[in-house]
Amino acid sequence: MKLVAVQASREVVIDAPPEVILEALADVGSVPSWSPVHKRAEVIDSYPDGRPHHVKVTIRVVGIVDTEVLEYHWGPDWLVWDANKTLQQHAQHVEYTLQRETEDMTRVRFEITLEPSAPLPEFLVKRARKKVLYAATEGLRRRVMAAIGSDRPG
């Protein structure tokens, strides 16, 4: 088997403004509650504005467990992170890009490029891709909607 980078992307529209979605992404400690691939997530250090800079995560996808240190970079409508080499991967690059559709609706694009450290069978790559894309988009949508629901007077 040839060693190739795995790329995947997915878009989702979330009924919330970009700031609320970025807040949810910055709440690293809650990630395992909405992303089934994340078993642990903790902020190592933060930027002066309080947003995470370095984050340590333990993930489990299709039976593969890995601990990664991610370096986050933030913009007004995007989040990018890169992971250094681990036992399971040479590198990882993730981008969340947010585009405001209306006042309370945002298109979120999630893109990931992963360079595995060993060749993986295609069926495992497909299963992993599906799980990661679902967690990164639908999981995020559920997290944001739950936060909005708890903020609304009722």
Protein backbone atom coordinates (compact mmCIF):
# COMPACT_ATOMS: atom_id res chain seq x y z
CA MET A 1 0.00 0.00 0.00
CA LYS A 2 1.18 3.47 -0.88
CA LEU A 3 1.36 6.13 1.81
CA VAL A 4 -0.84 9.07 0.81
CA ALA A 5 -2.28 12.07 2.56
CA VAL A 6 -5.96 11.74 3.40
CA GLN A 7 -8.09 14.80 2.63
CA ALA A 8 -11.73 15.38 3.45
CA SER A 9 -14.13 18.29 3.76
CA ARG A 10 -17.76 18.95 4.59
CA GLU A 11 -20.03 21.98 4.88
CA VAL A 12 -22.93 22.53 7.23
CA VAL A 13 -25.22 25.52 7.82
CA ILE A 14 -25.74 26.34 11.49
CA ASP A 15 -28.51 28.64 12.75
CA ALA A 16 -26.14 30.89 14.70
CA PRO A 17 -23.82 33.83 14.03
CA PRO A 18 -20.10 33.11 13.46
CA GLU A 19 -19.09 34.52 16.87
CA VAL A 20 -21.20 31.92 18.67
CA ILE A 21 -19.70 29.09 16.59
CA LEU A 22 -16.14 30.31 17.24
CA GLU A 23 -16.97 30.45 20.97
CA ALA A 24 -18.06 26.81 20.82
CA LEU A 25 -14.83 25.84 19.05
CA ALA A 26 -12.81 27.74 21.68
CA ASP A 27 -14.51 25.75 24.47
CA VAL A 28 -11.97 22.94 24.13
CA GLY A 29 -12.97 21.23 27.38
CA SER A 30 -16.44 20.50 25.99
CA VAL A 31 -15.22 18.91 22.73
CA PRO A 32 -15.41 15.28 24.01
CA SER A 33 -19.10 15.87 24.85
CA TRP A 34 -20.02 16.63 21.20
CA SER A 35 -17.28 14.85 19.23
CA PRO A 36 -17.28 11.06 19.70
CA VAL A 37 -13.77 10.83 18.21
CA HIS A 38 -12.33 12.97 21.05
CA LYS A 39 -11.72 11.13 24.32
CA ARG A 40 -9.86 13.99 26.08
CA ALA A 41 -9.14 17.62 25.27
CA GLU A 42 -7.30 20.20 27.35
CA VAL A 43 -5.86 23.63 26.77
CA ILE A 44 -2.08 23.77 27.36
CA ASP A 45 -1.80 27.54 26.92
CA SER A 46 -3.84 30.42 25.55
CA TYR A 47 -3.45 33.62 23.57
CA PRO A 48 -3.79 36.92 25.48
CA ASP A 49 -7.47 37.12 24.39
CA GLY A 50 -8.13 33.81 26.17
CA ARG A 51 -8.55 31.65 23.08
CA PRO A 52 -6.64 28.35 23.03
CA HIS A 53 -3.16 28.36 21.50
CA HIS A 54 -1.85 24.84 22.19
CA VAL A 55 -4.27 22.01 22.89
CA LYS A 56 -3.64 18.37 23.84
CA VAL A 57 -6.22 15.88 22.59
CA THR A 58 -6.64 12.12 22.72
CA ILE A 59 -8.64 10.78 19.82
CA ARG A 60 -9.99 7.37 18.93
CA VAL A 61 -11.15 6.63 15.39
CA VAL A 62 -11.81 3.15 13.96
CA GLY A 63 -9.82 1.56 16.78
CA ILE A 64 -6.78 3.84 16.37
CA VAL A 65 -5.91 5.87 19.46
CA ASP A 66 -3.56 8.84 19.29
CA THR A 67 -2.56 11.77 21.49
CA GLU A 68 -1.84 14.98 19.63
CA VAL A 69 -0.66 18.47 20.47
CA LEU A 70 -2.45 20.97 18.25
CA GLU A 71 -1.40 24.55 17.57
CA TYR A 72 -4.45 26.77 17.05
CA HIS A 73 -4.54 29.96 14.98
CA TRP A 74 -7.61 32.19 15.03
CA GLY A 75 -9.07 34.76 12.65
CA PRO A 76 -12.30 36.76 12.68
CA ASP A 77 -14.13 33.99 10.79
CA TRP A 78 -11.78 31.00 10.82
CA LEU A 79 -9.85 28.55 12.96
CA VAL A 80 -6.83 26.59 11.76
CA TRP A 81 -4.85 24.00 13.64
CA ASP A 82 -1.81 21.88 12.90
CA ALA A 83 -0.58 18.79 14.73
CA ASN A 84 2.99 17.67 15.00
CA LYS A 85 4.16 14.13 14.31
CA THR A 86 2.74 11.40 16.54
CA LEU A 87 2.83 7.62 16.53
CA GLN A 88 -0.13 7.50 14.12
CA GLN A 89 0.52 10.48 11.84
CA HIS A 90 3.27 12.52 10.25
CA ALA A 91 1.13 15.68 10.18
CA GLN A 92 -2.41 17.02 10.39
CA HIS A 93 -3.89 20.29 9.15
CA VAL A 94 -7.47 21.37 9.90
CA GLU A 95 -9.41 24.46 8.80
CA TYR A 96 -12.80 25.72 9.91
CA THR A 97 -14.00 28.56 7.68
CA LEU A 98 -17.17 30.44 8.64
CA GLN A 99 -19.25 32.46 6.20
CA ARG A 100 -22.19 34.48 7.48
CA GLU A 101 -25.29 33.71 5.38
CA THR A 102 -27.80 35.85 7.30
CA GLU A 103 -27.71 37.58 10.69
CA ASP A 104 -28.28 34.29 12.51
CA MET A 105 -27.10 31.69 9.98
CA THR A 106 -23.53 30.66 9.16
CA ARG A 107 -22.07 28.27 6.59
CA VAL A 108 -19.24 26.30 8.21
CA ARG A 109 -16.68 24.51 6.08
CA PHE A 110 -14.44 21.91 7.75
CA GLU A 111 -11.35 20.65 5.92
CA ILE A 112 -8.78 18.15 7.12
CA THR A 113 -5.55 16.86 5.64
CA LEU A 114 -3.88 14.01 7.49
CA GLU A 115 -0.64 12.25 6.66
CA PRO A 116 -0.77 8.83 8.34
CA SER A 117 2.51 7.35 9.54
CA ALA A 118 1.63 3.97 8.01
CA PRO A 119 -0.54 2.93 5.07
CA LEU A 120 -4.16 2.33 5.98
CA PRO A 121 -6.65 0.09 4.15
CA GLU A 122 -9.14 2.12 2.10
CA PHE A 123 -12.16 0.78 4.01
CA LEU A 124 -10.65 2.11 7.29
CA VAL A 125 -9.91 5.47 5.66
CA LYS A 126 -13.53 5.72 4.50
CA ARG A 127 -14.92 4.83 7.93
CA ALA A 128 -12.58 7.26 9.68
CA ARG A 129 -13.38 10.04 7.19
CA LYS A 130 -17.12 9.59 7.77
CA LYS A 131 -16.78 9.63 11.59
CA VAL A 132 -14.47 12.67 11.65
CA LEU A 133 -16.56 14.71 9.19
CA TYR A 134 -19.76 13.93 11.08
CA ALA A 135 -18.25 14.88 14.45
CA ALA A 136 -16.68 18.07 13.09
CA THR A 137 -19.90 19.36 11.50
CA GLU A 138 -23.03 17.74 12.95
CA GLY A 139 -21.45 17.42 16.40
CA LEU A 140 -20.50 21.09 16.30
CA ARG A 141 -24.03 22.02 15.16
CA ARG A 142 -25.55 20.11 18.11
CA ARG A 143 -23.13 21.81 20.55
CA VAL A 144 -23.94 25.30 19.21
CA MET A 145 -27.70 24.71 19.19
CA ALA A 146 -27.62 23.36 22.75
CA ALA A 147 -25.68 26.46 23.89
CA ILE A 148 -28.12 28.80 22.15
CA GLY A 149 -31.08 26.94 23.64
CA SER A 150 -29.71 27.31 27.16
CA ASP A 151 -29.10 31.05 26.61
CA ARG A 152 -32.65 31.78 25.49
CA PRO A 153 -35.18 32.82 28.11
CA GLY A 154 -37.85 30.20 28.46
